[in-house]
C-alpha atoms as a PDB file:
ATOM      1  CA  MET A   1     -53.983 -26.031 144.897  1.00  0.00           C
ATOM      2  CA  HIS A   2     -55.337 -22.564 145.391  1.00  0.00           C
ATOM      3  CA  ILE A   3     -54.087 -20.025 147.894  1.00  0.00           C
ATOM      4  CA  THR A   4     -56.351 -17.328 149.255  1.00  0.00           C
ATOM      5  CA  ILE A   5     -54.902 -14.126 150.630  1.00  0.00           C
ATOM      6  CA  ALA A   6     -57.217 -11.998 152.735  1.00  0.00           C
ATOM      7  CA  ASP A   7     -58.221  -8.742 151.078  1.00  0.00           C
ATOM      8  CA  ASP A   8     -56.958  -6.679 154.009  1.00  0.00           C
ATOM      9  CA  LEU A   9     -53.487  -8.205 153.599  1.00  0.00           C
ATOM     10  CA  VAL A  10     -53.462  -7.473 149.876  1.00  0.00           C
ATOM     11  CA  GLN A  11     -54.598  -3.893 150.573  1.00  0.00           C
ATOM     12  CA  ALA A  12     -51.898  -3.500 153.236  1.00  0.00           C
ATOM     13  CA  THR A  13     -49.237  -4.118 150.589  1.00  0.00           C
ATOM     14  CA  GLY A  14     -50.516  -1.254 148.445  1.00  0.00           C
ATOM     15  CA  LEU A  15     -50.336  -3.583 145.464  1.00  0.00           C
ATOM     16  CA  SER A  16     -53.000  -4.912 143.161  1.00  0.00           C
ATOM     17  CA  PRO A  17     -53.548  -8.684 143.282  1.00  0.00           C
ATOM     18  CA  ASP A  18     -51.665  -9.016 139.963  1.00  0.00           C
ATOM     19  CA  GLU A  19     -48.750  -6.949 141.267  1.00  0.00           C
ATOM     20  CA  LEU A  20     -48.623  -9.048 144.437  1.00  0.00           C
ATOM     21  CA  LEU A  21     -48.395 -12.243 142.378  1.00  0.00           C
ATOM     22  CA  GLN A  22     -45.589 -10.698 140.325  1.00  0.00           C
ATOM     23  CA  GLU A  23     -43.678  -9.696 143.467  1.00  0.00           C
ATOM     24  CA  LEU A  24     -44.041 -13.179 144.894  1.00  0.00           C
ATOM     25  CA  ALA A  25     -42.941 -14.758 141.623  1.00  0.00           C
ATOM     26  CA  VAL A  26     -39.901 -12.479 141.342  1.00  0.00           C
ATOM     27  CA  ALA A  27     -38.876 -13.186 144.938  1.00  0.00           C
ATOM     28  CA  LEU A  28     -39.181 -16.961 144.509  1.00  0.00           C
ATOM     29  CA  PHE A  29     -37.283 -16.787 141.213  1.00  0.00           C
ATOM     30  CA  GLN A  30     -34.467 -14.759 142.805  1.00  0.00           C
ATOM     31  CA  GLN A  31     -34.215 -17.292 145.624  1.00  0.00           C
ATOM     32  CA  GLN A  32     -34.019 -20.028 142.966  1.00  0.00           C
ATOM     33  CA  ARG A  33     -37.096 -21.682 144.467  1.00  0.00           C
ATOM     34  CA  LEU A  34     -38.938 -21.484 141.136  1.00  0.00           C
ATOM     35  CA  PRO A  35     -37.515 -21.788 137.632  1.00  0.00           C
ATOM     36  CA  LEU A  36     -38.355 -19.206 134.989  1.00  0.00           C
ATOM     37  CA  GLU A  37     -41.305 -21.206 133.676  1.00  0.00           C
ATOM     38  CA  GLY A  38     -42.839 -21.682 137.120  1.00  0.00           C
ATOM     39  CA  ALA A  39     -42.273 -18.090 138.189  1.00  0.00           C
ATOM     40  CA  SER A  40     -43.839 -16.739 135.011  1.00  0.00           C
ATOM     41  CA  ARG A  41     -46.853 -19.008 135.545  1.00  0.00           C
ATOM     42  CA  LEU A  42     -47.198 -17.789 139.136  1.00  0.00           C
ATOM     43  CA  ALA A  43     -47.010 -14.191 137.915  1.00  0.00           C
ATOM     44  CA  GLN A  44     -49.662 -15.056 135.304  1.00  0.00           C
ATOM     45  CA  MET A  45     -47.377 -13.765 132.568  1.00  0.00           C
ATOM     46  CA  ASP A  46     -45.875 -15.382 129.510  1.00  0.00           C
ATOM     47  CA  GLN A  47     -42.161 -16.104 129.879  1.00  0.00           C
ATOM     48  CA  PHE A  48     -41.143 -13.308 127.514  1.00  0.00           C
ATOM     49  CA  SER A  49     -43.062 -10.697 129.556  1.00  0.00           C
ATOM     50  CA  PHE A  50     -41.709 -12.101 132.815  1.00  0.00           C
ATOM     51  CA  GLN A  51     -38.169 -11.890 131.407  1.00  0.00           C
ATOM     52  CA  HIS A  52     -38.825  -8.221 130.599  1.00  0.00           C
ATOM     53  CA  LEU A  53     -40.001  -7.668 134.178  1.00  0.00           C
ATOM     54  CA  LEU A  54     -36.791  -9.260 135.457  1.00  0.00           C
ATOM     55  CA  ALA A  55     -34.667  -7.217 133.056  1.00  0.00           C
ATOM     56  CA  ALA A  56     -36.371  -3.991 134.163  1.00  0.00           C
ATOM     57  CA  ARG A  57     -35.307  -4.865 137.706  1.00  0.00           C
ATOM     58  CA  GLN A  58     -31.809  -5.857 136.566  1.00  0.00           C
ATOM     59  CA  ILE A  59     -32.328  -9.433 137.758  1.00  0.00           C
ATOM     60  CA  SER A  60     -30.237 -12.043 135.974  1.00  0.00           C
ATOM     61  CA  ILE A  61     -31.879 -15.082 134.502  1.00  0.00           C
ATOM     62  CA  HIS A  62     -30.264 -18.224 135.859  1.00  0.00           C
ATOM     63  CA  TYR A  63     -30.487 -20.808 133.138  1.00  0.00           C
ATOM     64  CA  GLY A  64     -29.448 -24.272 134.144  1.00  0.00           C
ATOM     65  CA  HIS A  65     -29.367 -27.772 132.757  1.00  0.00           C
ATOM     66  CA  ASP A  66     -32.998 -28.466 133.716  1.00  0.00           C
ATOM     67  CA  ASP A  67     -34.090 -25.288 131.932  1.00  0.00           C
ATOM     68  CA  LEU A  68     -32.256 -26.407 128.788  1.00  0.00           C
ATOM     69  CA  LEU A  69     -33.900 -29.833 128.889  1.00  0.00           C
ATOM     70  CA  ALA A  70     -37.341 -28.242 129.356  1.00  0.00           C
ATOM     71  CA  ASP A  71     -36.748 -25.904 126.404  1.00  0.00           C
ATOM     72  CA  VAL A  72     -35.579 -28.769 124.169  1.00  0.00           C
ATOM     73  CA  ALA A  73     -38.678 -30.788 125.127  1.00  0.00           C
ATOM     74  CA  THR A  74     -40.897 -27.809 124.303  1.00  0.00           C
ATOM     75  CA  LEU A  75     -39.198 -27.278 120.940  1.00  0.00           C
ATOM     76  CA  ARG A  76     -39.624 -30.972 120.107  1.00  0.00           C
ATOM     77  CA  ARG A  77     -43.278 -30.859 121.111  1.00  0.00           C
ATOM     78  CA  LEU A  78     -43.759 -27.834 118.847  1.00  0.00           C
ATOM     79  CA  GLY A  79     -41.983 -29.577 115.997  1.00  0.00           C
ATOM     80  CA  GLN A  80     -39.134 -27.077 115.947  1.00  0.00           C
ATOM     81  CA  LEU A  81     -36.402 -29.698 116.473  1.00  0.00           C
END
């Protein structure tokens, strides 16, 4: 699915398209509507960079059971476990 935002709306925010995606991702992460992995994908950032963005804004990372399971699956897939 692709979402198109009219140029005039993007310009009205005073943000670049990348900054707008980051703001949306941060807001959805804070509302716990997206996990870290999903929010970083929406922001078009790797998770490490997105975590730095959150830290710069003093936003805590909520890390739950599902996040742990996803990380374990990733480590297994990478052969690290």
